[in-house]
N, C-alpha and C. Protein backbone atom coordinates (compact mmCIF):
# COMPACT_ATOMS: atom_id res chain seq x y z
N MET A 1 0.67 -1.41 -0.08
CA MET A 1 0.03 0.19 -0.16
C MET A 1 0.84 1.15 0.07
N SER A 2 0.43 2.33 -0.65
CA SER A 2 1.41 3.32 -0.99
C SER A 2 0.67 4.46 -0.16
N ASP A 3 1.83 5.12 0.34
CA ASP A 3 1.41 6.17 1.32
C ASP A 3 0.07 7.33 1.12
N SER A 4 -0.54 7.10 -0.21
CA SER A 4 -1.34 7.94 -0.80
C SER A 4 -2.68 6.92 -0.27
N GLU A 5 -2.60 5.77 -0.52
CA GLU A 5 -3.35 5.02 -0.12
C GLU A 5 -4.19 4.60 1.54
N LYS A 6 -2.59 5.12 2.36
CA LYS A 6 -3.03 4.77 3.53
C LYS A 6 -4.11 5.96 4.30
N THR A 7 -5.01 5.13 5.11
CA THR A 7 -5.98 5.73 6.05
C THR A 7 -5.30 6.62 6.78
N LYS A 8 -5.97 7.83 6.40
CA LYS A 8 -5.66 8.89 7.47
C LYS A 8 -6.59 9.24 8.60
N VAL A 9 -6.20 9.04 9.82
CA VAL A 9 -6.78 9.18 10.97
C VAL A 9 -6.41 10.71 11.78
N LEU A 10 -7.70 11.45 12.24
CA LEU A 10 -7.22 12.49 12.98
C LEU A 10 -7.74 11.84 14.30
N PHE A 11 -6.93 12.05 15.08
CA PHE A 11 -6.86 11.26 16.69
C PHE A 11 -6.63 12.40 17.44
N VAL A 12 -7.62 12.63 18.42
CA VAL A 12 -7.31 13.85 19.68
C VAL A 12 -7.94 13.19 21.01
N ASP A 13 -6.75 13.26 21.86
CA ASP A 13 -6.71 12.90 23.19
C ASP A 13 -5.81 13.65 24.34
N ASP A 14 -6.22 14.24 25.36
CA ASP A 14 -5.90 15.22 26.12
C ASP A 14 -4.93 14.47 26.98
N GLU A 15 -4.70 12.78 26.94
CA GLU A 15 -3.76 12.03 27.67
C GLU A 15 -2.33 11.84 26.67
N HIS A 16 -1.45 12.23 27.28
CA HIS A 16 -0.12 12.09 26.36
C HIS A 16 0.24 10.54 26.10
N ILE A 17 -0.01 10.01 27.07
CA ILE A 17 0.02 8.40 26.99
C ILE A 17 -1.02 7.56 25.90
N ILE A 18 -1.90 8.07 25.85
CA ILE A 18 -2.98 7.40 24.88
C ILE A 18 -2.60 7.78 23.64
N CYS A 19 -2.17 8.98 23.36
CA CYS A 19 -1.64 9.71 21.98
C CYS A 19 -0.71 8.93 21.43
N THR A 20 0.35 8.74 22.55
CA THR A 20 1.71 7.86 21.84
C THR A 20 1.46 6.55 21.71
N MET A 21 0.69 5.42 22.67
CA MET A 21 -0.01 4.72 22.14
C MET A 21 -0.93 4.45 20.90
N ALA A 22 -1.58 5.10 20.63
CA ALA A 22 -2.43 5.49 19.25
C ALA A 22 -1.57 5.58 17.93
N SER A 23 -0.54 6.51 18.29
CA SER A 23 0.24 6.65 17.20
C SER A 23 0.97 5.30 16.67
N GLU A 24 1.60 4.47 17.59
CA GLU A 24 2.53 3.79 17.48
C GLU A 24 1.70 2.20 16.90
N ILE A 25 0.78 2.34 17.66
CA ILE A 25 -0.40 1.05 17.66
C ILE A 25 -0.58 1.15 16.13
N LEU A 26 -1.30 2.76 15.32
CA LEU A 26 -2.21 2.48 14.20
C LEU A 26 -1.07 2.75 13.08
N GLU A 27 0.12 3.12 13.46
CA GLU A 27 1.05 3.15 12.53
C GLU A 27 1.40 2.07 12.14
N LEU A 28 1.74 1.08 13.13
CA LEU A 28 2.13 -0.07 13.15
C LEU A 28 1.24 -0.83 11.91
N PHE A 29 -0.28 -0.67 11.92
CA PHE A 29 -1.18 -1.49 11.29
C PHE A 29 -1.71 -0.70 10.07
N GLY A 30 -0.70 0.37 9.52
CA GLY A 30 -0.37 0.72 8.13
C GLY A 30 -1.49 2.05 8.34
N TYR A 31 -1.47 2.80 9.28
CA TYR A 31 -2.23 4.11 9.22
C TYR A 31 -1.70 4.97 8.99
N GLU A 32 -1.90 6.26 8.40
CA GLU A 32 -1.32 7.43 8.56
C GLU A 32 -2.25 8.18 9.63
N ILE A 33 -1.31 9.12 10.83
CA ILE A 33 -1.91 9.48 12.11
C ILE A 33 -1.60 10.92 12.26
N ASP A 34 -2.57 11.60 12.59
CA ASP A 34 -2.11 13.00 13.02
C ASP A 34 -2.89 12.78 14.44
N ILE A 35 -1.79 13.19 15.41
CA ILE A 35 -2.11 13.34 16.74
C ILE A 35 -2.04 14.84 17.38
N PHE A 36 -3.59 14.81 18.15
CA PHE A 36 -3.60 16.10 18.72
C PHE A 36 -3.75 15.86 20.37
N GLU A 37 -3.26 16.65 21.10
CA GLU A 37 -3.71 16.81 22.75
C GLU A 37 -4.57 17.41 22.97
N GLU A 38 -4.73 18.60 21.83
CA GLU A 38 -5.69 19.94 22.38
C GLU A 38 -6.62 19.87 21.26
N SER A 39 -8.00 19.81 21.70
CA SER A 39 -9.29 19.65 20.63
C SER A 39 -9.45 21.05 19.81
N LYS A 40 -9.19 22.41 20.18
CA LYS A 40 -9.37 23.26 19.23
C LYS A 40 -7.71 23.31 18.17
N ALA A 41 -6.73 22.56 18.22
CA ALA A 41 -5.61 22.79 17.64
C ALA A 41 -6.03 21.53 16.49
N ALA A 42 -6.77 20.58 16.93
CA ALA A 42 -7.18 19.75 15.68
C ALA A 42 -8.06 20.02 14.58
N LEU A 43 -9.30 21.08 15.49
CA LEU A 43 -10.31 21.41 14.92
C LEU A 43 -9.57 22.44 13.75
N GLU A 44 -8.90 23.18 14.14
CA GLU A 44 -7.78 24.08 13.03
C GLU A 44 -7.10 23.51 12.32
N SER A 45 -6.61 22.22 12.34
CA SER A 45 -6.03 21.35 11.49
C SER A 45 -6.92 20.62 10.38
N PHE A 46 -7.92 20.18 10.92
CA PHE A 46 -9.10 19.73 9.75
C PHE A 46 -9.64 21.03 9.03
N LYS A 47 -9.74 21.68 9.62
CA LYS A 47 -10.29 23.16 8.93
C LYS A 47 -9.65 23.61 7.69
N LYS A 48 -8.31 23.75 8.04
CA LYS A 48 -6.83 23.72 6.80
C LYS A 48 -7.11 22.60 5.49
N LYS A 49 -7.36 21.59 6.05
CA LYS A 49 -7.26 20.45 5.04
C LYS A 49 -8.49 19.58 5.20
N PRO A 50 -9.78 19.49 4.99
CA PRO A 50 -10.84 18.81 5.62
C PRO A 50 -10.99 17.36 4.82
N ASP A 51 -10.49 17.72 3.59
CA ASP A 51 -10.62 16.55 2.82
C ASP A 51 -9.43 15.54 2.98
N PHE A 52 -8.37 15.80 3.84
CA PHE A 52 -7.31 15.29 3.89
C PHE A 52 -7.70 13.92 5.09
N TYR A 53 -8.41 14.09 5.78
CA TYR A 53 -8.63 13.15 6.65
C TYR A 53 -9.59 11.92 6.34
N ASP A 54 -9.54 10.67 6.54
CA ASP A 54 -10.81 9.66 6.23
C ASP A 54 -11.56 9.32 7.60
N ILE A 55 -11.15 9.85 8.56
CA ILE A 55 -12.07 9.39 9.66
C ILE A 55 -11.65 10.19 10.92
N VAL A 56 -12.25 10.51 12.15
CA VAL A 56 -11.97 11.28 13.37
C VAL A 56 -11.97 10.43 14.41
N VAL A 57 -11.25 10.37 15.41
CA VAL A 57 -11.15 9.62 16.68
C VAL A 57 -11.18 10.70 17.54
N THR A 58 -11.81 10.62 18.51
CA THR A 58 -11.72 11.92 19.65
C THR A 58 -11.94 11.51 21.30
N ASP A 59 -11.26 11.96 22.21
CA ASP A 59 -12.01 11.80 23.38
C ASP A 59 -13.03 12.71 23.57
N GLN A 60 -14.02 12.80 24.51
CA GLN A 60 -14.84 13.25 24.86
C GLN A 60 -14.52 14.71 26.01
N THR A 61 -14.05 13.82 27.06
CA THR A 61 -13.39 14.83 27.97
C THR A 61 -12.93 15.68 27.95
N MET A 62 -12.50 16.94 27.13
CA MET A 62 -10.94 17.84 27.31
C MET A 62 -11.35 18.77 27.28
N PRO A 63 -10.17 19.86 27.78
CA PRO A 63 -10.32 21.18 28.14
C PRO A 63 -10.70 21.82 26.98
N GLN A 64 -10.86 23.16 27.21
CA GLN A 64 -11.88 24.15 26.17
C GLN A 64 -12.72 23.35 25.30
N LEU A 65 -12.88 22.24 24.52
CA LEU A 65 -13.91 21.88 23.81
C LEU A 65 -13.92 20.59 24.08
N SER A 66 -14.86 20.09 24.12
CA SER A 66 -14.86 18.87 24.23
C SER A 66 -15.13 17.86 23.14
N GLY A 67 -15.20 16.74 23.01
CA GLY A 67 -15.00 15.81 21.71
C GLY A 67 -16.47 16.32 20.77
N TYR A 68 -17.45 16.39 21.36
CA TYR A 68 -19.02 16.47 21.07
C TYR A 68 -18.54 17.65 20.09
N GLU A 69 -18.21 18.67 20.93
CA GLU A 69 -18.42 20.13 20.61
C GLU A 69 -17.71 19.93 19.32
N MET A 70 -15.95 19.20 19.19
CA MET A 70 -15.54 19.50 18.14
C MET A 70 -16.00 18.67 16.92
N LEU A 71 -16.74 17.68 17.00
CA LEU A 71 -17.18 16.90 16.19
C LEU A 71 -18.30 17.83 15.75
N SER A 72 -19.18 18.03 16.41
CA SER A 72 -20.10 19.33 15.74
C SER A 72 -19.76 19.92 14.82
N GLU A 73 -18.79 20.95 15.09
CA GLU A 73 -17.88 21.66 14.38
C GLU A 73 -17.32 21.20 13.08
N ILE A 74 -17.05 19.87 13.31
CA ILE A 74 -16.31 19.11 12.07
C ILE A 74 -17.87 18.84 10.95
N ILE A 75 -18.81 18.40 11.57
CA ILE A 75 -19.85 18.12 10.55
C ILE A 75 -20.48 19.11 10.09
N LYS A 76 -19.94 20.54 10.85
CA LYS A 76 -20.75 21.39 9.43
C LYS A 76 -19.76 21.64 8.40
N ILE A 77 -18.51 21.09 8.40
CA ILE A 77 -17.46 21.23 7.41
C ILE A 77 -17.61 19.99 6.52
N ARG A 78 -17.88 18.95 7.27
CA ARG A 78 -17.62 17.71 6.58
C ARG A 78 -18.61 16.40 7.02
N LYS A 79 -19.94 16.60 6.41
CA LYS A 79 -20.63 16.20 7.49
C LYS A 79 -20.47 14.47 7.39
N ASN A 80 -20.26 13.97 6.15
CA ASN A 80 -20.16 12.46 6.13
C ASN A 80 -18.79 11.96 6.81
N ILE A 81 -17.84 12.47 7.15
CA ILE A 81 -16.75 11.79 7.89
C ILE A 81 -17.23 11.11 8.63
N PRO A 82 -16.61 9.60 8.87
CA PRO A 82 -16.54 9.00 9.75
C PRO A 82 -16.03 9.39 10.88
N LYS A 83 -16.89 9.26 12.48
CA LYS A 83 -16.62 9.98 13.78
C LYS A 83 -16.60 8.75 14.44
N ILE A 84 -15.70 8.74 15.22
CA ILE A 84 -15.44 7.72 16.96
C ILE A 84 -15.21 8.81 18.10
N LEU A 85 -16.24 8.87 18.76
CA LEU A 85 -16.10 9.27 20.02
C LEU A 85 -15.85 8.54 21.14
N CYS A 86 -14.85 8.56 22.12
CA CYS A 86 -14.69 8.17 23.31
C CYS A 86 -14.86 8.59 24.53
N THR A 87 -15.24 8.04 25.58
CA THR A 87 -15.24 8.38 27.02
C THR A 87 -14.83 7.11 28.15
N GLY A 88 -14.06 8.01 29.11
CA GLY A 88 -13.91 7.29 30.30
C GLY A 88 -14.96 7.41 31.47
N TYR A 89 -16.06 8.23 31.37
CA TYR A 89 -16.72 8.48 32.08
C TYR A 89 -17.94 7.61 32.10
N SER A 90 -18.19 6.47 32.90
CA SER A 90 -19.20 5.35 32.48
C SER A 90 -20.91 6.23 32.66
N ASP A 91 -20.39 7.72 33.68
CA ASP A 91 -22.07 7.97 33.71
C ASP A 91 -22.35 9.02 32.52
N GLN A 92 -21.10 9.29 31.87
CA GLN A 92 -21.48 10.15 30.69
C GLN A 92 -22.04 9.10 29.71
N PHE A 93 -21.16 7.62 29.46
CA PHE A 93 -21.64 7.04 28.28
C PHE A 93 -22.94 6.74 28.17
N GLU A 94 -23.83 6.41 29.04
CA GLU A 94 -25.28 5.99 28.77
C GLU A 94 -26.13 7.35 28.19
N ASP A 95 -25.48 8.44 28.58
CA ASP A 95 -25.99 9.80 28.04
C ASP A 95 -26.01 10.31 26.83
N LEU A 96 -24.41 9.66 26.50
CA LEU A 96 -24.06 9.78 24.85
C LEU A 96 -24.47 9.07 24.15
N LYS A 97 -24.59 7.56 24.58
CA LYS A 97 -25.38 6.92 23.34
C LYS A 97 -26.61 7.15 23.56
N LYS A 98 -27.36 7.96 24.30
CA LYS A 98 -28.85 8.10 23.64
C LYS A 98 -28.87 9.45 23.21
N ASN A 99 -28.21 10.38 23.27
CA ASN A 99 -28.20 11.73 23.09
C ASN A 99 -27.35 12.53 21.83
N VAL A 100 -26.26 11.56 21.69
CA VAL A 100 -25.26 12.16 20.54
C VAL A 100 -25.89 11.95 19.10
N ILE A 101 -25.98 12.62 18.06
CA ILE A 101 -26.24 12.75 16.91
C ILE A 101 -24.77 12.78 16.00
N GLY A 102 -25.01 12.07 14.60
CA GLY A 102 -24.18 12.27 13.90
C GLY A 102 -22.73 11.60 14.30
N ILE A 103 -22.75 10.73 15.36
CA ILE A 103 -21.42 10.05 15.99
C ILE A 103 -21.68 8.54 15.32
N ASP A 104 -20.60 8.10 14.48
CA ASP A 104 -20.79 6.55 13.85
C ASP A 104 -20.30 5.49 15.23
N ALA A 105 -19.54 5.65 15.96
CA ALA A 105 -19.53 4.83 17.31
C ALA A 105 -19.00 5.84 18.16
N LEU A 106 -19.27 4.81 19.39
CA LEU A 106 -19.00 5.47 20.62
C LEU A 106 -18.29 4.17 21.46
N PHE A 107 -17.15 4.93 22.11
CA PHE A 107 -16.24 3.56 22.72
C PHE A 107 -16.13 4.02 24.42
N ARG A 108 -16.33 3.18 24.92
CA ARG A 108 -16.14 3.27 26.40
C ARG A 108 -14.28 2.94 26.94
N LYS A 109 -13.87 4.12 27.41
CA LYS A 109 -12.42 4.16 27.81
C LYS A 109 -12.38 3.20 29.12
N PRO A 110 -11.10 2.42 29.14
CA PRO A 110 -10.03 2.11 28.40
C PRO A 110 -10.87 1.00 27.34
N TYR A 111 -10.17 1.44 25.97
CA TYR A 111 -10.83 0.51 25.03
C TYR A 111 -9.57 -0.49 24.75
N HIS A 112 -9.71 -1.48 23.95
CA HIS A 112 -8.34 -2.08 23.27
C HIS A 112 -8.26 -1.66 21.95
N PHE A 113 -7.32 -1.39 21.34
CA PHE A 113 -6.93 -0.76 20.08
C PHE A 113 -7.44 -1.97 19.27
N GLU A 114 -7.27 -2.81 19.54
CA GLU A 114 -7.70 -3.79 18.17
C GLU A 114 -9.10 -3.57 17.98
N ASP A 115 -9.95 -3.30 19.09
CA ASP A 115 -11.62 -3.11 18.81
C ASP A 115 -11.35 -1.64 17.94
N LEU A 116 -11.00 -1.06 18.55
CA LEU A 116 -10.67 0.26 17.70
C LEU A 116 -10.49 0.48 16.12
N ILE A 117 -9.22 -0.56 16.09
CA ILE A 117 -8.86 -0.49 14.54
C ILE A 117 -9.90 -1.42 13.67
N GLU A 118 -10.58 -2.07 14.35
CA GLU A 118 -11.68 -3.01 13.62
C GLU A 118 -12.99 -1.77 13.62
N GLU A 119 -13.13 -0.96 14.42
CA GLU A 119 -14.30 -0.34 14.01
C GLU A 119 -13.91 0.66 12.73
N ILE A 120 -12.75 1.25 12.83
CA ILE A 120 -12.10 2.13 12.20
C ILE A 120 -12.27 1.32 10.52
N LYS A 121 -11.67 -0.10 10.46
CA LYS A 121 -12.26 -0.66 9.49
C LYS A 121 -13.22 -0.72 8.92
N LYS A 122 -14.41 -0.97 9.53
CA LYS A 122 -15.71 -0.74 9.19
C LYS A 122 -16.26 0.65 8.47
N LEU A 123 -15.93 1.49 9.35
CA LEU A 123 -16.34 2.87 8.99
C LEU A 123 -15.65 3.54 7.69
N VAL A 124 -14.58 2.88 7.44
CA VAL A 124 -13.68 3.90 6.74
C VAL A 124 -14.01 2.93 5.30
C-alpha cells in the first residue's frame, strides 16, 4: 500500500500516553495518523485540510472544547466523515449513547486498540 492509499486518522485525546500508544499502534497497522492533545488545535488542522482525513477519533472530555463540540464543528464542514467518540466516564456513556447525533461509534475507555482498529476498518 502506498502512502497515498493509507487511511488518514485524526486522533484527539488530552492524555499523552494514549496519544503515544495510538500513534505507535495505528502506524504499525498501516494508518497515517495526526495526533493532537488539544481539541482546538485538531479542529484548526481539520479546517485547513478537511478532505485530507478519512476518519476522526476523539476523546469526549477535554479542556476548552469537548470531543462532541469539536465533532459538531467538523460535521458543519464535512458531514459524512466517519466519527468515533470515546469517553472514560461511565455516567456520561449512557447519556452520550442516547443523545449524541452524528457520531458513527461510541467507545468506553479504556478500550482495546484492536477493537478500535476493527471499528475504523468498518467505517472507512
